[in-house]
Amino acid sequence: QVQLTESGGGLVQAGGSLRLSCSTSDTRESSFKMMAWYRQAPGKERELVAEISRPGNIRIGDSMKGRAFISRNGGENTAYLQMNNLRPEDTAMYFCNATSEGVPGFYAERHWWGQGTQVTVVS
């Protein structure tokens, strides 16, 4: 069992910035195959904000392109999400997701989720 802990959320004025952090409490984890941030607002579907693979490939969700930047620290197994020029429509619960690579014949890939950190953007 892997536990992910998010931090950095809060209340911010429109146009402001936030940096979210996600780290694992399990120091035995060497490196996740993928780390990502998702968000979900009330009444809306969950959507990808950004993801970064172990080799460093990055994908940013359409709604956050040009405003969100993701990075990771391999040694600490931590992912960071920098968000700039925030808008009220960015208000949501932001969830960290991590993928542990599976082993053929033993177990499949596993996905781990944090409890979420609330981001609220006001005009």
PDB file of N, CA and C in Angstrom:
ATOM      1  N   GLN A   1       0.829  -1.183   0.000  1.00  0.00           N
ATOM      2  CA  GLN A   1       0.000   0.000   0.000  1.00  0.00           C
ATOM      3  C   GLN A   1       0.873   1.245   0.000  1.00  0.00           C
ATOM      4  N   VAL A   2       0.567   2.152  -0.936  1.00  0.00           N
ATOM      5  CA  VAL A   2       1.298   3.404  -1.065  1.00  0.00           C
ATOM      6  C   VAL A   2       0.365   4.552  -0.724  1.00  0.00           C
ATOM      7  N   GLN A   3       0.835   5.421   0.115  1.00  0.00           N
ATOM      8  CA  GLN A   3       0.072   6.597   0.487  1.00  0.00           C
ATOM      9  C   GLN A   3       0.707   7.838  -0.122  1.00  0.00           C
ATOM     10  N   LEU A   4      -0.101   8.638  -0.795  1.00  0.00           N
ATOM     11  CA  LEU A   4       0.347   9.887  -1.380  1.00  0.00           C
ATOM     12  C   LEU A   4      -0.209  11.048  -0.585  1.00  0.00           C
ATOM     13  N   THR A   5       0.626  12.041  -0.368  1.00  0.00           N
ATOM     14  CA  THR A   5       0.234  13.206   0.398  1.00  0.00           C
ATOM     15  C   THR A   5       0.410  14.460  -0.443  1.00  0.00           C
ATOM     16  N   GLU A   6      -0.664  15.223  -0.586  1.00  0.00           N
ATOM     17  CA  GLU A   6      -0.623  16.467  -1.347  1.00  0.00           C
ATOM     18  C   GLU A   6      -0.587  17.663  -0.404  1.00  0.00           C
ATOM     19  N   SER A   7      -0.006  18.739  -0.881  1.00  0.00           N
ATOM     20  CA  SER A   7       0.017  19.974  -0.130  1.00  0.00           C
ATOM     21  C   SER A   7       0.134  21.143  -1.097  1.00  0.00           C
ATOM     22  N   GLY A   8      -0.140  22.329  -0.610  1.00  0.00           N
ATOM     23  CA  GLY A   8       0.029  23.529  -1.406  1.00  0.00           C
ATOM     24  C   GLY A   8      -1.248  24.185  -1.876  1.00  0.00           C
ATOM     25  N   GLY A   9      -2.381  23.541  -1.673  1.00  0.00           N
ATOM     26  CA  GLY A   9      -3.637  24.132  -2.085  1.00  0.00           C
ATOM     27  C   GLY A   9      -4.041  25.269  -1.170  1.00  0.00           C
ATOM     28  N   GLY A  10      -5.071  25.990  -1.591  1.00  0.00           N
ATOM     29  CA  GLY A  10      -5.550  27.095  -0.791  1.00  0.00           C
ATOM     30  C   GLY A  10      -6.362  28.067  -1.601  1.00  0.00           C
ATOM     31  N   LEU A  11      -6.580  29.225  -1.025  1.00  0.00           N
ATOM     32  CA  LEU A  11      -7.348  30.290  -1.664  1.00  0.00           C
ATOM     33  C   LEU A  11      -6.398  31.262  -2.338  1.00  0.00           C
ATOM     34  N   VAL A  12      -6.684  31.583  -3.589  1.00  0.00           N
ATOM     35  CA  VAL A  12      -5.806  32.468  -4.342  1.00  0.00           C
ATOM     36  C   VAL A  12      -6.647  33.388  -5.226  1.00  0.00           C
ATOM     37  N   GLN A  13      -6.159  34.590  -5.431  1.00  0.00           N
ATOM     38  CA  GLN A  13      -6.822  35.537  -6.313  1.00  0.00           C
ATOM     39  C   GLN A  13      -6.599  35.155  -7.771  1.00  0.00           C
ATOM     40  N   ALA A  14      -7.575  35.460  -8.604  1.00  0.00           N
ATOM     41  CA  ALA A  14      -7.423  35.225 -10.034  1.00  0.00           C
ATOM     42  C   ALA A  14      -6.159  35.904 -10.542  1.00  0.00           C
ATOM     43  N   GLY A  15      -5.422  35.179 -11.372  1.00  0.00           N
ATOM     44  CA  GLY A  15      -4.158  35.675 -11.869  1.00  0.00           C
ATOM     45  C   GLY A  15      -2.968  35.267 -11.031  1.00  0.00           C
ATOM     46  N   GLY A  16      -3.238  34.710  -9.868  1.00  0.00           N
ATOM     47  CA  GLY A  16      -2.180  34.289  -8.986  1.00  0.00           C
ATOM     48  C   GLY A  16      -1.640  32.914  -9.333  1.00  0.00           C
ATOM     49  N   SER A  17      -0.721  32.444  -8.505  1.00  0.00           N
ATOM     50  CA  SER A  17      -0.050  31.176  -8.745  1.00  0.00           C
ATOM     51  C   SER A  17      -0.047  30.315  -7.493  1.00  0.00           C
ATOM     52  N   LEU A  18       0.042  29.022  -7.710  1.00  0.00           N
ATOM     53  CA  LEU A  18       0.184  28.059  -6.631  1.00  0.00           C
ATOM     54  C   LEU A  18       1.125  26.957  -7.076  1.00  0.00           C
ATOM     55  N   ARG A  19       1.820  26.379  -6.127  1.00  0.00           N
ATOM     56  CA  ARG A  19       2.609  25.200  -6.394  1.00  0.00           C
ATOM     57  C   ARG A  19       2.161  24.082  -5.475  1.00  0.00           C
ATOM     58  N   LEU A  20       1.727  23.002  -6.071  1.00  0.00           N
ATOM     59  CA  LEU A  20       1.287  21.836  -5.330  1.00  0.00           C
ATOM     60  C   LEU A  20       2.402  20.805  -5.273  1.00  0.00           C
ATOM     61  N   SER A  21       2.447  20.081  -4.177  1.00  0.00           N
ATOM     62  CA  SER A  21       3.436  19.032  -4.006  1.00  0.00           C
ATOM     63  C   SER A  21       2.744  17.719  -3.697  1.00  0.00           C
ATOM     64  N   CYS A  22       3.312  16.640  -4.186  1.00  0.00           N
ATOM     65  CA  CYS A  22       2.801  15.300  -3.927  1.00  0.00           C
ATOM     66  C   CYS A  22       3.979  14.394  -3.631  1.00  0.00           C
ATOM     67  N   SER A  23       3.919  13.710  -2.514  1.00  0.00           N
ATOM     68  CA  SER A  23       4.999  12.812  -2.141  1.00  0.00           C
ATOM     69  C   SER A  23       4.437  11.543  -1.523  1.00  0.00           C
ATOM     70  N   THR A  24       5.223  10.493  -1.568  1.00  0.00           N
ATOM     71  CA  THR A  24       4.812   9.229  -0.979  1.00  0.00           C
ATOM     72  C   THR A  24       5.364   9.097   0.424  1.00  0.00           C
ATOM     73  N   SER A  25       4.591   8.463   1.269  1.00  0.00           N
ATOM     74  CA  SER A  25       5.034   8.206   2.632  1.00  0.00           C
ATOM     75  C   SER A  25       5.847   6.926   2.727  1.00  0.00           C
ATOM     76  N   ASP A  26       5.893   6.169   1.636  1.00  0.00           N
ATOM     77  CA  ASP A  26       6.610   4.904   1.598  1.00  0.00           C
ATOM     78  C   ASP A  26       7.991   5.134   1.007  1.00  0.00           C
ATOM     79  N   THR A  27       8.999   5.131   1.842  1.00  0.00           N
ATOM     80  CA  THR A  27      10.358   5.379   1.381  1.00  0.00           C
ATOM     81  C   THR A  27      10.945   4.210   0.614  1.00  0.00           C
ATOM     82  N   ARG A  28      10.256   3.081   0.593  1.00  0.00           N
ATOM     83  CA  ARG A  28      10.733   1.924  -0.153  1.00  0.00           C
ATOM     84  C   ARG A  28      10.494   2.060  -1.650  1.00  0.00           C
ATOM     85  N   GLU A  29       9.597   2.943  -2.040  1.00  0.00           N
ATOM     86  CA  GLU A  29       9.342   3.175  -3.453  1.00  0.00           C
ATOM     87  C   GLU A  29      10.545   3.877  -4.072  1.00  0.00           C
ATOM     88  N   SER A  30      11.085   3.281  -5.120  1.00  0.00           N
ATOM     89  CA  SER A  30      12.253   3.859  -5.775  1.00  0.00           C
ATOM     90  C   SER A  30      11.871   4.939  -6.778  1.00  0.00           C
ATOM     91  N   SER A  31      10.985   4.584  -7.706  1.00  0.00           N
ATOM     92  CA  SER A  31      10.565   5.528  -8.728  1.00  0.00           C
ATOM     93  C   SER A  31       9.256   5.063  -9.352  1.00  0.00           C
ATOM     94  N   PHE A  32       8.268   5.937  -9.352  1.00  0.00           N
ATOM     95  CA  PHE A  32       7.001   5.626 -10.001  1.00  0.00           C
ATOM     96  C   PHE A  32       7.147   5.703 -11.515  1.00  0.00           C
ATOM     97  N   LYS A  33       6.424   4.840 -12.210  1.00  0.00           N
ATOM     98  CA  LYS A  33       6.399   4.881 -13.660  1.00  0.00           C
ATOM     99  C   LYS A  33       5.812   6.194 -14.159  1.00  0.00           C
ATOM    100  N   MET A  34       4.805   6.663 -13.469  1.00  0.00           N
ATOM    101  CA  MET A  34       4.125   7.891 -13.857  1.00  0.00           C
ATOM    102  C   MET A  34       3.640   8.615 -12.612  1.00  0.00           C
ATOM    103  N   MET A  35       3.721   9.921 -12.634  1.00  0.00           N
ATOM    104  CA  MET A  35       3.091  10.742 -11.619  1.00  0.00           C
ATOM    105  C   MET A  35       2.254  11.793 -12.325  1.00  0.00           C
ATOM    106  N   ALA A  36       1.106  12.073 -11.758  1.00  0.00           N
ATOM    107  CA  ALA A  36       0.164  12.952 -12.440  1.00  0.00           C
ATOM    108  C   ALA A  36      -0.688  13.718 -11.442  1.00  0.00           C
ATOM    109  N   TRP A  37      -1.284  14.769 -11.939  1.00  0.00           N
ATOM    110  CA  TRP A  37      -2.260  15.553 -11.194  1.00  0.00           C
ATOM    111  C   TRP A  37      -3.567  15.574 -11.963  1.00  0.00           C
ATOM    112  N   TYR A  38      -4.651  15.298 -11.268  1.00  0.00           N
ATOM    113  CA  TYR A  38      -5.997  15.405 -11.798  1.00  0.00           C
ATOM    114  C   TYR A  38      -6.776  16.388 -10.946  1.00  0.00           C
ATOM    115  N   ARG A  39      -7.877  16.864 -11.479  1.00  0.00           N
ATOM    116  CA  ARG A  39      -8.737  17.733 -10.697  1.00  0.00           C
ATOM    117  C   ARG A  39     -10.195  17.409 -10.975  1.00  0.00           C
ATOM    118  N   GLN A  40     -11.024  17.698 -10.000  1.00  0.00           N
ATOM    119  CA  GLN A  40     -12.444  17.470 -10.154  1.00  0.00           C
ATOM    120  C   GLN A  40     -13.219  18.527  -9.376  1.00  0.00           C
ATOM    121  N   ALA A  41     -14.086  19.210 -10.076  1.00  0.00           N
ATOM    122  CA  ALA A  41     -14.954  20.206  -9.465  1.00  0.00           C
ATOM    123  C   ALA A  41     -16.345  19.615  -9.293  1.00  0.00           C
ATOM    124  N   PRO A  42     -17.126  20.119  -8.339  1.00  0.00           N
ATOM    125  CA  PRO A  42     -18.484  19.600  -8.149  1.00  0.00           C
ATOM    126  C   PRO A  42     -19.300  19.668  -9.426  1.00  0.00           C
ATOM    127  N   GLY A  43     -19.943  18.560  -9.769  1.00  0.00           N
ATOM    128  CA  GLY A  43     -20.763  18.503 -10.961  1.00  0.00           C
ATOM    129  C   GLY A  43     -20.000  18.314 -12.248  1.00  0.00           C
ATOM    130  N   LYS A  44     -18.692  18.190 -12.177  1.00  0.00           N
ATOM    131  CA  LYS A  44     -17.879  18.011 -13.365  1.00  0.00           C
ATOM    132  C   LYS A  44     -17.096  16.710 -13.279  1.00  0.00           C
ATOM    133  N   GLU A  45     -16.675  16.231 -14.431  1.00  0.00           N
ATOM    134  CA  GLU A  45     -15.884  15.015 -14.485  1.00  0.00           C
ATOM    135  C   GLU A  45     -14.432  15.304 -14.135  1.00  0.00           C
ATOM    136  N   ARG A  46     -13.776  14.287 -13.649  1.00  0.00           N
ATOM    137  CA  ARG A  46     -12.356  14.397 -13.359  1.00  0.00           C
ATOM    138  C   ARG A  46     -11.574  14.606 -14.648  1.00  0.00           C
ATOM    139  N   GLU A  47     -10.596  15.483 -14.618  1.00  0.00           N
ATOM    140  CA  GLU A  47      -9.804  15.745 -15.802  1.00  0.00           C
ATOM    141  C   GLU A  47      -8.320  15.797 -15.457  1.00  0.00           C
ATOM    142  N   LEU A  48      -7.522  15.447 -16.439  1.00  0.00           N
ATOM    143  CA  LEU A  48      -6.081  15.481 -16.272  1.00  0.00           C
ATOM    144  C   LEU A  48      -5.584  16.920 -16.284  1.00  0.00           C
ATOM    145  N   VAL A  49      -4.728  17.240 -15.341  1.00  0.00           N
ATOM    146  CA  VAL A  49      -4.054  18.529 -15.321  1.00  0.00           C
ATOM    147  C   VAL A  49      -2.677  18.408 -15.954  1.00  0.00           C
ATOM    148  N   ALA A  50      -1.903  17.451 -15.479  1.00  0.00           N
ATOM    149  CA  ALA A  50      -0.566  17.239 -16.006  1.00  0.00           C
ATOM    150  C   ALA A  50      -0.043  15.891 -15.547  1.00  0.00           C
ATOM    151  N   GLU A  51       0.850  15.314 -16.323  1.00  0.00           N
ATOM    152  CA  GLU A  51       1.478  14.068 -15.943  1.00  0.00           C
ATOM    153  C   GLU A  51       2.925  14.062 -16.411  1.00  0.00           C
ATOM    154  N   ILE A  52       3.746  13.299 -15.714  1.00  0.00           N
ATOM    155  CA  ILE A  52       5.152  13.178 -16.064  1.00  0.00           C
ATOM    156  C   ILE A  52       5.582  11.743 -15.837  1.00  0.00           C
ATOM    157  N   SER A  53       6.230  11.164 -16.834  1.00  0.00           N
ATOM    158  CA  SER A  53       6.669   9.783 -16.759  1.00  0.00           C
ATOM    159  C   SER A  53       8.038   9.692 -16.118  1.00  0.00           C
ATOM    160  N   ARG A  54       8.476   8.474 -15.858  1.00  0.00           N
ATOM    161  CA  ARG A  54       9.800   8.259 -15.292  1.00  0.00           C
ATOM    162  C   ARG A  54      10.907   8.769 -16.199  1.00  0.00           C
ATOM    163  N   PRO A  55      10.812   8.539 -17.527  1.00  0.00           N
ATOM    164  CA  PRO A  55      11.828   9.129 -18.411  1.00  0.00           C
ATOM    165  C   PRO A  55      11.746  10.644 -18.528  1.00  0.00           C
ATOM    166  N   GLY A  56      10.675  11.248 -18.025  1.00  0.00           N
ATOM    167  CA  GLY A  56      10.544  12.687 -18.063  1.00  0.00           C
ATOM    168  C   GLY A  56       9.611  13.234 -19.117  1.00  0.00           C
ATOM    169  N   ASN A  57       8.866  12.369 -19.790  1.00  0.00           N
ATOM    170  CA  ASN A  57       7.897  12.835 -20.771  1.00  0.00           C
ATOM    171  C   ASN A  57       6.733  13.507 -20.065  1.00  0.00           C
ATOM    172  N   ILE A  58       6.306  14.633 -20.597  1.00  0.00           N
ATOM    173  CA  ILE A  58       5.295  15.459 -19.951  1.00  0.00           C
ATOM    174  C   ILE A  58       4.094  15.653 -20.860  1.00  0.00           C
ATOM    175  N   ARG A  59       2.917  15.608 -20.268  1.00  0.00           N
ATOM    176  CA  ARG A  59       1.690  15.914 -20.980  1.00  0.00           C
ATOM    177  C   ARG A  59       0.851  16.830 -20.102  1.00  0.00           C
ATOM    178  N   ILE A  60       0.363  17.910 -20.687  1.00  0.00           N
ATOM    179  CA  ILE A  60      -0.436  18.887 -19.971  1.00  0.00           C
ATOM    180  C   ILE A  60      -1.862  18.860 -20.516  1.00  0.00           C
ATOM    181  N   GLY A  61      -2.830  18.890 -19.627  1.00  0.00           N
ATOM    182  CA  GLY A  61      -4.212  18.925 -20.053  1.00  0.00           C
ATOM    183  C   GLY A  61      -4.527  20.178 -20.850  1.00  0.00           C
ATOM    184  N   ASP A  62      -5.475  20.054 -21.773  1.00  0.00           N
ATOM    185  CA  ASP A  62      -5.785  21.153 -22.680  1.00  0.00           C
ATOM    186  C   ASP A  62      -6.131  22.445 -21.949  1.00  0.00           C
ATOM    187  N   SER A  63      -6.888  22.347 -20.884  1.00  0.00           N
ATOM    188  CA  SER A  63      -7.336  23.539 -20.186  1.00  0.00           C
ATOM    189  C   SER A  63      -6.221  24.250 -19.441  1.00  0.00           C
ATOM    190  N   MET A  64      -5.091  23.580 -19.262  1.00  0.00           N
ATOM    191  CA  MET A  64      -4.003  24.162 -18.490  1.00  0.00           C
ATOM    192  C   MET A  64      -2.728  24.372 -19.288  1.00  0.00           C
ATOM    193  N   LYS A  65      -2.781  24.134 -20.584  1.00  0.00           N
ATOM    194  CA  LYS A  65      -1.588  24.323 -21.404  1.00  0.00           C
ATOM    195  C   LYS A  65      -1.136  25.773 -21.358  1.00  0.00           C
ATOM    196  N   GLY A  66       0.153  25.939 -21.116  1.00  0.00           N
ATOM    197  CA  GLY A  66       0.713  27.270 -20.990  1.00  0.00           C
ATOM    198  C   GLY A  66       0.621  27.842 -19.602  1.00  0.00           C
ATOM    199  N   ARG A  67      -0.104  27.184 -18.713  1.00  0.00           N
ATOM    200  CA  ARG A  67      -0.276  27.687 -17.361  1.00  0.00           C
ATOM    201  C   ARG A  67       0.163  26.705 -16.289  1.00  0.00           C
ATOM    202  N   ALA A  68       0.250  25.429 -16.625  1.00  0.00           N
ATOM    203  CA  ALA A  68       0.655  24.409 -15.670  1.00  0.00           C
ATOM    204  C   ALA A  68       1.976  23.784 -16.080  1.00  0.00           C
ATOM    205  N   PHE A  69       2.803  23.513 -15.079  1.00  0.00           N
ATOM    206  CA  PHE A  69       4.107  22.909 -15.319  1.00  0.00           C
ATOM    207  C   PHE A  69       4.347  21.859 -14.249  1.00  0.00           C
ATOM    208  N   ILE A  70       4.763  20.674 -14.676  1.00  0.00           N
ATOM    209  CA  ILE A  70       4.959  19.570 -13.756  1.00  0.00           C
ATOM    210  C   ILE A  70       6.413  19.134 -13.766  1.00  0.00           C
ATOM    211  N   SER A  71       6.911  18.766 -12.602  1.00  0.00           N
ATOM    212  CA  SER A  71       8.265  18.268 -12.472  1.00  0.00           C
ATOM    213  C   SER A  71       8.283  17.219 -11.371  1.00  0.00           C
ATOM    214  N   ARG A  72       9.378  16.492 -11.269  1.00  0.00           N
ATOM    215  CA  ARG A  72       9.473  15.477 -10.237  1.00  0.00           C
ATOM    216  C   ARG A  72      10.886  15.370  -9.711  1.00  0.00           C
ATOM    217  N   ASN A  73      10.973  14.970  -8.466  1.00  0.00           N
ATOM    218  CA  ASN A  73      12.233  14.720  -7.806  1.00  0.00           C
ATOM    219  C   ASN A  73      12.319  13.223  -7.574  1.00  0.00           C
ATOM    220  N   GLY A  74      13.216  12.561  -8.294  1.00  0.00           N
ATOM    221  CA  GLY A  74      13.315  11.116  -8.203  1.00  0.00           C
ATOM    222  C   GLY A  74      13.747  10.614  -6.846  1.00  0.00           C
ATOM    223  N   GLY A  75      14.697  11.293  -6.248  1.00  0.00           N
ATOM    224  CA  GLY A  75      15.206  10.870  -4.960  1.00  0.00           C
ATOM    225  C   GLY A  75      14.163  10.888  -3.864  1.00  0.00           C
ATOM    226  N   GLU A  76      13.297  11.884  -3.904  1.00  0.00           N
ATOM    227  CA  GLU A  76      12.248  12.022  -2.900  1.00  0.00           C
ATOM    228  C   GLU A  76      10.920  11.447  -3.372  1.00  0.00           C
ATOM    229  N   ASN A  77      10.871  11.004  -4.655  1.00  0.00           N
ATOM    230  CA  ASN A  77       9.640  10.505  -5.253  1.00  0.00           C
ATOM    231  C   ASN A  77       8.510  11.503  -5.065  1.00  0.00           C
ATOM    232  N   THR A  78       8.799  12.721  -5.418  1.00  0.00           N
ATOM    233  CA  THR A  78       7.873  13.819  -5.243  1.00  0.00           C
ATOM    234  C   THR A  78       7.571  14.480  -6.578  1.00  0.00           C
ATOM    235  N   ALA A  79       6.317  14.825  -6.787  1.00  0.00           N
ATOM    236  CA  ALA A  79       5.899  15.551  -7.972  1.00  0.00           C
ATOM    237  C   ALA A  79       5.434  16.943  -7.581  1.00  0.00           C
ATOM    238  N   TYR A  80       5.758  17.903  -8.417  1.00  0.00           N
ATOM    239  CA  TYR A  80       5.371  19.284  -8.192  1.00  0.00           C
ATOM    240  C   TYR A  80       4.524  19.777  -9.348  1.00  0.00           C
ATOM    241  N   LEU A  81       3.501  20.517  -9.033  1.00  0.00           N
ATOM    242  CA  LEU A  81       2.648  21.122 -10.038  1.00  0.00           C
ATOM    243  C   LEU A  81       2.641  22.630  -9.818  1.00  0.00           C
ATOM    244  N   GLN A  82       3.233  23.349 -10.746  1.00  0.00           N
ATOM    245  CA  GLN A  82       3.228  24.801 -10.718  1.00  0.00           C
ATOM    246  C   GLN A  82       2.098  25.301 -11.607  1.00  0.00           C
ATOM    247  N   MET A  83       1.214  26.095 -11.046  1.00  0.00           N
ATOM    248  CA  MET A  83       0.099  26.643 -11.794  1.00  0.00           C
ATOM    249  C   MET A  83       0.151  28.163 -11.732  1.00  0.00           C
ATOM    250  N   ASN A  84       0.088  28.773 -12.899  1.00  0.00           N
ATOM    251  CA  ASN A  84       0.149  30.224 -13.010  1.00  0.00           C
ATOM    252  C   ASN A  84      -1.109  30.767 -13.668  1.00  0.00           C
ATOM    253  N   ASN A  85      -1.323  32.059 -13.489  1.00  0.00           N
ATOM    254  CA  ASN A  85      -2.473  32.730 -14.088  1.00  0.00           C
ATOM    255  C   ASN A  85      -3.763  31.966 -13.822  1.00  0.00           C
ATOM    256  N   LEU A  86      -3.995  31.661 -12.576  1.00  0.00           N
ATOM    257  CA  LEU A  86      -5.163  30.872 -12.206  1.00  0.00           C
ATOM    258  C   LEU A  86      -6.460  31.635 -12.439  1.00  0.00           C
ATOM    259  N   ARG A  87      -7.482  30.894 -12.788  1.00  0.00           N
ATOM    260  CA  ARG A  87      -8.802  31.437 -13.083  1.00  0.00           C
ATOM    261  C   ARG A  87      -9.838  30.817 -12.165  1.00  0.00           C
ATOM    262  N   PRO A  88     -10.970  31.498 -11.962  1.00  0.00           N
ATOM    263  CA  PRO A  88     -12.019  30.913 -11.123  1.00  0.00           C
ATOM    264  C   PRO A  88     -12.439  29.519 -11.572  1.00  0.00           C
ATOM    265  N   GLU A  89     -12.425  29.251 -12.868  1.00  0.00           N
ATOM    266  CA  GLU A  89     -12.805  27.936 -13.358  1.00  0.00           C
ATOM    267  C   GLU A  89     -11.784  26.858 -13.022  1.00  0.00           C
ATOM    268  N   ASP A  90     -10.634  27.247 -12.495  1.00  0.00           N
ATOM    269  CA  ASP A  90      -9.650  26.278 -12.030  1.00  0.00           C
ATOM    270  C   ASP A  90      -9.978  25.753 -10.639  1.00  0.00           C
ATOM    271  N   THR A  91     -10.972  26.331 -10.008  1.00  0.00           N
ATOM    272  CA  THR A  91     -11.372  25.892  -8.678  1.00  0.00           C
ATOM    273  C   THR A  91     -11.802  24.435  -8.714  1.00  0.00           C
ATOM    274  N   ALA A  92     -11.165  23.613  -7.899  1.00  0.00           N
ATOM    275  CA  ALA A  92     -11.439  22.182  -7.889  1.00  0.00           C
ATOM    276  C   ALA A  92     -10.634  21.525  -6.787  1.00  0.00           C
ATOM    277  N   MET A  93     -10.941  20.267  -6.563  1.00  0.00           N
ATOM    278  CA  MET A  93     -10.093  19.440  -5.730  1.00  0.00           C
ATOM    279  C   MET A  93      -9.038  18.827  -6.635  1.00  0.00           C
ATOM    280  N   TYR A  94      -7.790  18.979  -6.255  1.00  0.00           N
ATOM    281  CA  TYR A  94      -6.688  18.471  -7.050  1.00  0.00           C
ATOM    282  C   TYR A  94      -6.127  17.214  -6.404  1.00  0.00           C
ATOM    283  N   PHE A  95      -6.029  16.161  -7.198  1.00  0.00           N
ATOM    284  CA  PHE A  95      -5.598  14.856  -6.715  1.00  0.00           C
ATOM    285  C   PHE A  95      -4.292  14.437  -7.372  1.00  0.00           C
ATOM    286  N   CYS A  96      -3.404  13.919  -6.573  1.00  0.00           N
ATOM    287  CA  CYS A  96      -2.174  13.337  -7.081  1.00  0.00           C
ATOM    288  C   CYS A  96      -2.399  11.868  -7.402  1.00  0.00           C
ATOM    289  N   ASN A  97      -1.817  11.422  -8.490  1.00  0.00           N
ATOM    290  CA  ASN A  97      -1.897  10.024  -8.899  1.00  0.00           C
ATOM    291  C   ASN A  97      -0.506   9.525  -9.240  1.00  0.00           C
ATOM    292  N   ALA A  98      -0.214   8.313  -8.830  1.00  0.00           N
ATOM    293  CA  ALA A  98       1.066   7.707  -9.149  1.00  0.00           C
ATOM    294  C   ALA A  98       0.842   6.287  -9.630  1.00  0.00           C
ATOM    295  N   THR A  99       1.678   5.861 -10.552  1.00  0.00           N
ATOM    296  CA  THR A  99       1.578   4.529 -11.132  1.00  0.00           C
ATOM    297  C   THR A  99       2.829   3.732 -10.822  1.00  0.00           C
ATOM    298  N   SER A 100       2.619   2.573 -10.224  1.00  0.00           N
ATOM    299  CA  SER A 100       3.711   1.633 -10.002  1.00  0.00           C
ATOM    300  C   SER A 100       3.714   0.633 -11.144  1.00  0.00           C
ATOM    301  N   GLU A 101       4.859   0.416 -11.744  1.00  0.00           N
ATOM    302  CA  GLU A 101       4.960  -0.486 -12.881  1.00  0.00           C
ATOM    303  C   GLU A 101       4.702  -1.923 -12.457  1.00  0.00           C
ATOM    304  N   GLY A 102       3.940  -2.638 -13.283  1.00  0.00           N
ATOM    305  CA  GLY A 102       3.649  -4.026 -13.011  1.00  0.00           C
ATOM    306  C   GLY A 102       4.778  -4.937 -13.426  1.00  0.00           C
ATOM    307  N   VAL A 103       4.684  -6.171 -12.987  1.00  0.00           N
ATOM    308  CA  VAL A 103       5.638  -7.203 -13.345  1.00  0.00           C
ATOM    309  C   VAL A 103       4.876  -8.306 -14.061  1.00  0.00           C
ATOM    310  N   PRO A 104       5.196  -8.577 -15.330  1.00  0.00           N
ATOM    311  CA  PRO A 104       4.476  -9.624 -16.070  1.00  0.00           C
ATOM    312  C   PRO A 104       4.496 -10.953 -15.339  1.00  0.00           C
ATOM    313  N   GLY A 105       3.325 -11.551 -15.201  1.00  0.00           N
ATOM    314  CA  GLY A 105       3.194 -12.825 -14.530  1.00  0.00           C
ATOM    315  C   GLY A 105       3.063 -12.736 -13.023  1.00  0.00           C
ATOM    316  N   PHE A 106       3.185 -11.534 -12.489  1.00  0.00           N
ATOM    317  CA  PHE A 106       3.104 -11.365 -11.038  1.00  0.00           C
ATOM    318  C   PHE A 106       1.989 -10.409 -10.640  1.00  0.00           C
ATOM    319  N   TYR A 107       2.013  -9.201 -11.150  1.00  0.00           N
ATOM    320  CA  TYR A 107       0.968  -8.251 -10.844  1.00  0.00           C
ATOM    321  C   TYR A 107       0.925  -7.157 -11.897  1.00  0.00           C
ATOM    322  N   ALA A 108      -0.239  -6.555 -12.019  1.00  0.00           N
ATOM    323  CA  ALA A 108      -0.445  -5.506 -12.997  1.00  0.00           C
ATOM    324  C   ALA A 108      -0.002  -4.161 -12.439  1.00  0.00           C
ATOM    325  N   GLU A 109      -0.002  -3.164 -13.318  1.00  0.00           N
ATOM    326  CA  GLU A 109       0.271  -1.811 -12.864  1.00  0.00           C
ATOM    327  C   GLU A 109      -0.732  -1.421 -11.789  1.00  0.00           C
ATOM    328  N   ARG A 110      -0.274  -0.673 -10.845  1.00  0.00           N
ATOM    329  CA  ARG A 110      -1.120  -0.201  -9.756  1.00  0.00           C
ATOM    330  C   ARG A 110      -1.154   1.323  -9.715  1.00  0.00           C
ATOM    331  N   HIS A 111      -2.322   1.842  -9.457  1.00  0.00           N
ATOM    332  CA  HIS A 111      -2.519   3.285  -9.371  1.00  0.00           C
ATOM    333  C   HIS A 111      -2.816   3.679  -7.936  1.00  0.00           C
ATOM    334  N   TRP A 112      -2.175   4.734  -7.508  1.00  0.00           N
ATOM    335  CA  TRP A 112      -2.342   5.231  -6.155  1.00  0.00           C
ATOM    336  C   TRP A 112      -2.857   6.662  -6.198  1.00  0.00           C
ATOM    337  N   TRP A 113      -3.744   6.980  -5.288  1.00  0.00           N
ATOM    338  CA  TRP A 113      -4.358   8.306  -5.246  1.00  0.00           C
ATOM    339  C   TRP A 113      -4.178   8.957  -3.886  1.00  0.00           C
ATOM    340  N   GLY A 114      -3.923  10.248  -3.920  1.00  0.00           N
ATOM    341  CA  GLY A 114      -3.910  11.024  -2.694  1.00  0.00           C
ATOM    342  C   GLY A 114      -5.315  11.433  -2.308  1.00  0.00           C
ATOM    343  N   GLN A 115      -5.451  12.049  -1.153  1.00  0.00           N
ATOM    344  CA  GLN A 115      -6.753  12.469  -0.662  1.00  0.00           C
ATOM    345  C   GLN A 115      -7.227  13.775  -1.287  1.00  0.00           C
ATOM    346  N   GLY A 116      -6.330  14.496  -1.910  1.00  0.00           N
ATOM    347  CA  GLY A 116      -6.691  15.725  -2.592  1.00  0.00           C
ATOM    348  C   GLY A 116      -6.383  16.969  -1.788  1.00  0.00           C
ATOM    349  N   THR A 117      -6.152  18.052  -2.504  1.00  0.00           N
ATOM    350  CA  THR A 117      -5.958  19.356  -1.887  1.00  0.00           C
ATOM    351  C   THR A 117      -6.830  20.364  -2.630  1.00  0.00           C
ATOM    352  N   GLN A 118      -7.549  21.168  -1.886  1.00  0.00           N
ATOM    353  CA  GLN A 118      -8.516  22.087  -2.479  1.00  0.00           C
ATOM    354  C   GLN A 118      -7.825  23.344  -2.989  1.00  0.00           C
ATOM    355  N   VAL A 119      -8.165  23.712  -4.217  1.00  0.00           N
ATOM    356  CA  VAL A 119      -7.711  24.966  -4.806  1.00  0.00           C
ATOM    357  C   VAL A 119      -8.941  25.805  -5.112  1.00  0.00           C
ATOM    358  N   THR A 120      -8.987  27.002  -4.569  1.00  0.00           N
ATOM    359  CA  THR A 120     -10.098  27.906  -4.797  1.00  0.00           C
ATOM    360  C   THR A 120      -9.568  29.221  -5.342  1.00  0.00           C
ATOM    361  N   VAL A 121     -10.066  29.614  -6.497  1.00  0.00           N
ATOM    362  CA  VAL A 121      -9.629  30.836  -7.165  1.00  0.00           C
ATOM    363  C   VAL A 121     -10.798  31.811  -7.187  1.00  0.00           C
ATOM    364  N   VAL A 122     -10.573  33.010  -6.690  1.00  0.00           N
ATOM    365  CA  VAL A 122     -11.627  34.023  -6.616  1.00  0.00           C
ATOM    366  C   VAL A 122     -11.224  35.249  -7.418  1.00  0.00           C
ATOM    367  N   SER A 123     -12.228  35.942  -7.941  1.00  0.00           N
ATOM    368  CA  SER A 123     -11.995  37.154  -8.713  1.00  0.00           C
ATOM    369  C   SER A 123     -11.745  38.340  -7.812  1.00  0.00           C
TER     370      SER A 123
END
